[in-house]
C-alpha atoms as a PDB file:
ATOM      1  CA  MET A   1       0.000   0.000   0.000  1.00  0.00           C
ATOM      2  CA  GLN A   2       1.239   3.473  -0.805  1.00  0.00           C
ATOM      3  CA  LEU A   3       0.800   6.577   1.320  1.00  0.00           C
ATOM      4  CA  SER A   4      -0.807   8.857  -1.206  1.00  0.00           C
ATOM      5  CA  THR A   5      -4.307   9.966  -0.365  1.00  0.00           C
ATOM      6  CA  ASP A   6      -5.070  13.362   1.102  1.00  0.00           C
ATOM      7  CA  GLU A   7      -6.990  11.590   3.853  1.00  0.00           C
ATOM      8  CA  GLN A   8      -3.933   9.564   4.853  1.00  0.00           C
ATOM      9  CA  LEU A   9      -1.704  12.627   4.801  1.00  0.00           C
ATOM     10  CA  GLN A  10      -4.191  14.531   6.947  1.00  0.00           C
ATOM     11  CA  GLN A  11      -4.461  11.615   9.359  1.00  0.00           C
ATOM     12  CA  LEU A  12      -0.696  11.487   9.716  1.00  0.00           C
ATOM     13  CA  THR A  13      -0.336  15.261  10.095  1.00  0.00           C
ATOM     14  CA  ASP A  14      -3.047  15.216  12.772  1.00  0.00           C
ATOM     15  CA  ALA A  15      -1.286  12.404  14.626  1.00  0.00           C
ATOM     16  CA  PHE A  16       2.047  14.248  14.611  1.00  0.00           C
ATOM     17  CA  ALA A  17       0.387  17.523  15.688  1.00  0.00           C
ATOM     18  CA  VAL A  18      -1.295  15.825  18.649  1.00  0.00           C
ATOM     19  CA  ASN A  19       1.899  13.997  19.580  1.00  0.00           C
ATOM     20  CA  PHE A  20       3.938  17.220  19.565  1.00  0.00           C
ATOM     21  CA  ALA A  21       1.237  19.260  21.346  1.00  0.00           C
ATOM     22  CA  GLN A  22       1.186  16.682  24.147  1.00  0.00           C
ATOM     23  CA  GLY A  23       4.931  16.988  24.629  1.00  0.00           C
ATOM     24  CA  GLY A  24       5.892  13.987  22.544  1.00  0.00           C
ATOM     25  CA  GLY A  25       8.880  13.862  20.276  1.00  0.00           C
ATOM     26  CA  PHE A  26      11.246  11.562  18.469  1.00  0.00           C
ATOM     27  CA  THR A  27      14.916  10.892  19.052  1.00  0.00           C
ATOM     28  CA  SER A  28      15.528  10.271  15.356  1.00  0.00           C
ATOM     29  CA  ILE A  29      13.864  10.321  11.969  1.00  0.00           C
ATOM     30  CA  VAL A  30      13.847   6.522  12.127  1.00  0.00           C
ATOM     31  CA  ASP A  31      11.623   6.672  15.225  1.00  0.00           C
ATOM     32  CA  ALA A  32       9.348   9.203  13.524  1.00  0.00           C
ATOM     33  CA  ARG A  33       9.022   6.921  10.489  1.00  0.00           C
ATOM     34  CA  LYS A  34       8.155   3.989  12.782  1.00  0.00           C
ATOM     35  CA  TYR A  35       5.430   6.116  14.350  1.00  0.00           C
ATOM     36  CA  ALA A  36       4.127   7.022  10.884  1.00  0.00           C
ATOM     37  CA  SER A  37       4.078   3.335   9.950  1.00  0.00           C
ATOM     38  CA  GLU A  38       2.086   2.510  13.073  1.00  0.00           C
ATOM     39  CA  VAL A  39      -0.419   5.321  12.506  1.00  0.00           C
ATOM     40  CA  LEU A  40      -1.120   4.335   8.911  1.00  0.00           C
ATOM     41  CA  ASN A  41      -0.322   0.621   8.843  1.00  0.00           C
ATOM     42  CA  VAL A  42       1.946   1.339   5.883  1.00  0.00           C
ATOM     43  CA  PRO A  43       5.685   0.599   5.727  1.00  0.00           C
ATOM     44  CA  VAL A  44       7.674   3.848   5.669  1.00  0.00           C
ATOM     45  CA  ARG A  45      11.176   3.048   4.427  1.00  0.00           C
ATOM     46  CA  SER A  46      14.040   5.480   4.051  1.00  0.00           C
ATOM     47  CA  GLY A  47      14.274   6.959   0.560  1.00  0.00           C
ATOM     48  CA  SER A  48      10.726   6.003  -0.398  1.00  0.00           C
ATOM     49  CA  LEU A  49       7.865   8.239  -1.432  1.00  0.00           C
ATOM     50  CA  GLU A  50       6.164   7.288   1.833  1.00  0.00           C
ATOM     51  CA  ALA A  51       9.191   8.547   3.783  1.00  0.00           C
ATOM     52  CA  LYS A  52       9.116  11.884   1.964  1.00  0.00           C
ATOM     53  CA  LEU A  53       5.393  12.295   2.581  1.00  0.00           C
ATOM     54  CA  ALA A  54       5.820  11.276   6.230  1.00  0.00           C
ATOM     55  CA  GLU A  55       8.562  13.881   6.658  1.00  0.00           C
ATOM     56  CA  GLU A  56       6.279  16.544   5.193  1.00  0.00           C
ATOM     57  CA  SER A  57       3.584  15.449   7.657  1.00  0.00           C
ATOM     58  CA  ILE A  58       6.072  15.780  10.515  1.00  0.00           C
ATOM     59  CA  GLU A  59       6.817  19.352   9.475  1.00  0.00           C
ATOM     60  CA  SER A  60       3.133  20.196   9.071  1.00  0.00           C
ATOM     61  CA  GLY A  61       2.298  18.618  12.418  1.00  0.00           C
ATOM     62  CA  LEU A  62       5.040  20.610  14.109  1.00  0.00           C
ATOM     63  CA  VAL A  63       3.749  23.860  12.602  1.00  0.00           C
ATOM     64  CA  ARG A  64       0.203  23.065  13.728  1.00  0.00           C
ATOM     65  CA  ALA A  65       1.389  22.292  17.251  1.00  0.00           C
ATOM     66  CA  ALA A  66       3.319  25.582  17.339  1.00  0.00           C
ATOM     67  CA  GLN A  67       0.265  27.512  16.153  1.00  0.00           C
ATOM     68  CA  ALA A  68      -1.854  25.916  18.869  1.00  0.00           C
ATOM     69  CA  ILE A  69       0.740  26.777  21.505  1.00  0.00           C
ATOM     70  CA  LEU A  70       0.797  30.421  20.458  1.00  0.00           C
ATOM     71  CA  ALA A  71      -2.997  30.613  20.357  1.00  0.00           C
ATOM     72  CA  GLU A  72      -3.215  29.295  23.929  1.00  0.00           C
ATOM     73  CA  ALA A  73      -0.264  31.208  25.418  1.00  0.00           C
ATOM     74  CA  ASP A  74      -1.102  33.671  28.186  1.00  0.00           C
ATOM     75  CA  THR A  75       1.843  35.950  27.412  1.00  0.00           C
ATOM     76  CA  ALA A  76       4.465  36.330  24.718  1.00  0.00           C
ATOM     77  CA  ARG A  77       7.049  34.936  27.133  1.00  0.00           C
ATOM     78  CA  ASP A  78       4.864  31.903  27.892  1.00  0.00           C
ATOM     79  CA  GLY A  79       4.445  31.275  24.170  1.00  0.00           C
ATOM     80  CA  PHE A  80       8.167  31.635  23.582  1.00  0.00           C
ATOM     81  CA  ASP A  81       9.080  29.255  26.404  1.00  0.00           C
ATOM     82  CA  ARG A  82       6.593  26.660  25.191  1.00  0.00           C
ATOM     83  CA  LEU A  83       7.889  26.932  21.621  1.00  0.00           C
ATOM     84  CA  VAL A  84      11.445  26.423  22.826  1.00  0.00           C
ATOM     85  CA  ASN A  85      10.302  23.257  24.613  1.00  0.00           C
ATOM     86  CA  LEU A  86       8.487  22.088  21.483  1.00  0.00           C
ATOM     87  CA  TYR A  87      11.593  22.378  19.333  1.00  0.00           C
ATOM     88  CA  GLN A  88      13.967  20.706  21.802  1.00  0.00           C
END
């Protein structure tokens, strides 16, 4: 099966956004690809189209989590501190 539908990409982006917003993260791209494989039940191998699409979903999920953090922040400093934690 190939990761190609908009629905699958949205599902994966949503999963990454929730993971990041809840303080989750990945120690390596390999771990992030494993997570993507588990979410979609699709093998995500390095160098494949699925890997590229998964990496784009990671980036989109991270942006969505950052937007949510800023929308909920009480102050600019709070938002900044939470963004720093998100990107660490």
